Amino acid sequence: MDKLWTDEAWEDFLNLHSDKRLVKKLEAILKDIDRNGYKGIGKPEALKEDLSGYWSRRIDDYNRIVYKIVEENGKKHIEILQCGTHYHK
C-alpha cells in the first residue's frame, strides 16, 4: 500500500532517524500494516474520541504510530497521522 504522511508524521519520522533501532521497528510495523491491516505487531489499538477511526501501534514505550487505512477508487493506502511521542489531537 502507498503511504501518505501528514507534515507532522513526516517530521516525527525524520526525528526518529537519530535512533536506528526505532527506524527498524517502525519499518517492521509499516510492513506489518501493509500485510495485516489492523492486526499484528506493536499492540494495535483502535483510538477513540477526536482520533476515532485511527489506530495506534507501539514503536517503543514512548513512541506510537497513529494511522488508518483508507480505500479510494478501489485502492488502499495508509494515512499516517503521526509516528512520534504519544497522541496529539
C-alpha atoms as a PDB file:
ATOM      1  CA  MET A   1       0.000   0.000   0.000  1.00  0.00           C
ATOM      2  CA  ASP A   2       1.078   3.554  -0.588  1.00  0.00           C
ATOM      3  CA  LYS A   3       1.782   5.644   2.491  1.00  0.00           C
ATOM      4  CA  LEU A   4       0.536   9.208   2.871  1.00  0.00           C
ATOM      5  CA  TRP A   5       2.279  11.157   5.639  1.00  0.00           C
ATOM      6  CA  THR A   6       0.950  14.294   7.312  1.00  0.00           C
ATOM      7  CA  ASP A   7       3.566  17.017   7.758  1.00  0.00           C
ATOM      8  CA  GLU A   8       3.692  16.215  11.479  1.00  0.00           C
ATOM      9  CA  ALA A   9       4.152  12.493  10.840  1.00  0.00           C
ATOM     10  CA  TRP A  10       6.968  13.148   8.375  1.00  0.00           C
ATOM     11  CA  GLU A  11       8.715  15.419  10.924  1.00  0.00           C
ATOM     12  CA  ASP A  12       8.329  12.671  13.533  1.00  0.00           C
ATOM     13  CA  PHE A  13       9.778  10.143  11.087  1.00  0.00           C
ATOM     14  CA  LEU A  14      12.800  12.337  10.353  1.00  0.00           C
ATOM     15  CA  ASN A  15      13.380  12.855  14.090  1.00  0.00           C
ATOM     16  CA  LEU A  16      13.351   9.089  14.688  1.00  0.00           C
ATOM     17  CA  HIS A  17      16.293   8.695  12.287  1.00  0.00           C
ATOM     18  CA  SER A  18      18.717   9.507  15.099  1.00  0.00           C
ATOM     19  CA  ASP A  19      17.903   6.071  16.569  1.00  0.00           C
ATOM     20  CA  LYS A  20      18.409   3.218  14.076  1.00  0.00           C
ATOM     21  CA  ARG A  21      16.597   0.789  16.395  1.00  0.00           C
ATOM     22  CA  LEU A  22      13.412   2.888  16.258  1.00  0.00           C
ATOM     23  CA  VAL A  23      13.655   3.220  12.479  1.00  0.00           C
ATOM     24  CA  LYS A  24      13.944  -0.572  12.078  1.00  0.00           C
ATOM     25  CA  LYS A  25      10.974  -1.107  14.396  1.00  0.00           C
ATOM     26  CA  LEU A  26       8.859   1.462  12.543  1.00  0.00           C
ATOM     27  CA  GLU A  27       9.752  -0.110   9.194  1.00  0.00           C
ATOM     28  CA  ALA A  28       8.708  -3.532  10.539  1.00  0.00           C
ATOM     29  CA  ILE A  29       5.404  -2.090  11.775  1.00  0.00           C
ATOM     30  CA  LEU A  30       4.698  -0.403   8.428  1.00  0.00           C
ATOM     31  CA  LYS A  31       5.410  -3.667   6.615  1.00  0.00           C
ATOM     32  CA  ASP A  32       3.072  -5.472   9.034  1.00  0.00           C
ATOM     33  CA  ILE A  33       0.300  -2.894   8.497  1.00  0.00           C
ATOM     34  CA  ASP A  34       0.716  -3.456   4.760  1.00  0.00           C
ATOM     35  CA  ARG A  35       0.216  -7.199   5.209  1.00  0.00           C
ATOM     36  CA  ASN A  36      -2.208  -7.438   8.122  1.00  0.00           C
ATOM     37  CA  GLY A  37      -4.111  -4.155   8.340  1.00  0.00           C
ATOM     38  CA  TYR A  38      -5.247  -3.573  11.894  1.00  0.00           C
ATOM     39  CA  LYS A  39      -3.777  -6.777  13.375  1.00  0.00           C
ATOM     40  CA  GLY A  40      -0.190  -7.711  14.144  1.00  0.00           C
ATOM     41  CA  ILE A  41       2.871  -6.386  15.953  1.00  0.00           C
ATOM     42  CA  GLY A  42       3.027  -3.261  18.099  1.00  0.00           C
ATOM     43  CA  LYS A  43      -0.170  -3.935  20.054  1.00  0.00           C
ATOM     44  CA  PRO A  44      -2.688  -2.367  17.623  1.00  0.00           C
ATOM     45  CA  GLU A  45      -5.336  -0.305  19.391  1.00  0.00           C
ATOM     46  CA  ALA A  46      -8.389   1.473  17.965  1.00  0.00           C
ATOM     47  CA  LEU A  47      -8.410   5.090  19.122  1.00  0.00           C
ATOM     48  CA  LYS A  48     -11.426   6.980  20.433  1.00  0.00           C
ATOM     49  CA  GLU A  49     -12.895  10.471  20.639  1.00  0.00           C
ATOM     50  CA  ASP A  50     -11.031  13.016  18.464  1.00  0.00           C
ATOM     51  CA  LEU A  51      -8.932  10.233  16.910  1.00  0.00           C
ATOM     52  CA  SER A  52     -11.834   7.871  16.243  1.00  0.00           C
ATOM     53  CA  GLY A  53     -11.190   5.933  13.038  1.00  0.00           C
ATOM     54  CA  TYR A  54      -7.443   5.897  13.624  1.00  0.00           C
ATOM     55  CA  TRP A  55      -5.368   3.126  15.140  1.00  0.00           C
ATOM     56  CA  SER A  56      -2.098   3.205  17.046  1.00  0.00           C
ATOM     57  CA  ARG A  57       0.778   0.790  17.420  1.00  0.00           C
ATOM     58  CA  ARG A  58       3.714   0.943  19.794  1.00  0.00           C
ATOM     59  CA  ILE A  59       7.093   1.690  18.267  1.00  0.00           C
ATOM     60  CA  ASP A  60       8.542   1.595  21.786  1.00  0.00           C
ATOM     61  CA  ASP A  61       7.352   2.546  25.286  1.00  0.00           C
ATOM     62  CA  TYR A  62       7.297   6.244  24.375  1.00  0.00           C
ATOM     63  CA  ASN A  63       6.601   6.451  20.624  1.00  0.00           C
ATOM     64  CA  ARG A  64       3.499   5.438  18.675  1.00  0.00           C
ATOM     65  CA  ILE A  65       2.437   5.396  15.071  1.00  0.00           C
ATOM     66  CA  VAL A  66      -1.111   6.665  14.509  1.00  0.00           C
ATOM     67  CA  TYR A  67      -2.657   5.630  11.196  1.00  0.00           C
ATOM     68  CA  LYS A  68      -5.722   4.493   9.324  1.00  0.00           C
ATOM     69  CA  ILE A  69      -6.220   2.520   6.153  1.00  0.00           C
ATOM     70  CA  VAL A  70      -8.178   4.438   3.538  1.00  0.00           C
ATOM     71  CA  GLU A  71      -9.759   2.985   0.410  1.00  0.00           C
ATOM     72  CA  GLU A  72     -10.404   5.279  -2.548  1.00  0.00           C
ATOM     73  CA  ASN A  73     -11.387   4.154  -6.028  1.00  0.00           C
ATOM     74  CA  GLY A  74     -10.715   0.522  -5.121  1.00  0.00           C
ATOM     75  CA  LYS A  75      -7.155   1.245  -3.989  1.00  0.00           C
ATOM     76  CA  LYS A  76      -5.991   1.236  -0.364  1.00  0.00           C
ATOM     77  CA  HIS A  77      -3.352   3.441   1.237  1.00  0.00           C
ATOM     78  CA  ILE A  78      -2.056   4.011   4.750  1.00  0.00           C
ATOM     79  CA  GLU A  79      -2.657   7.515   6.086  1.00  0.00           C
ATOM     80  CA  ILE A  80      -0.075   8.230   8.787  1.00  0.00           C
ATOM     81  CA  LEU A  81      -1.101  10.957  11.218  1.00  0.00           C
ATOM     82  CA  GLN A  82       1.944  10.794  13.495  1.00  0.00           C
ATOM     83  CA  CYS A  83       4.764   8.473  14.452  1.00  0.00           C
ATOM     84  CA  GLY A  84       6.398  10.047  17.453  1.00  0.00           C
ATOM     85  CA  THR A  85       5.501  10.739  21.030  1.00  0.00           C
ATOM     86  CA  HIS A  86       2.113   9.893  22.496  1.00  0.00           C
ATOM     87  CA  TYR A  87      -1.059  11.085  20.757  1.00  0.00           C
ATOM     88  CA  HIS A  88      -1.598  14.690  19.669  1.00  0.00           C
ATOM     89  CA  LYS A  89      -5.138  15.772  18.857  1.00  0.00           C
END
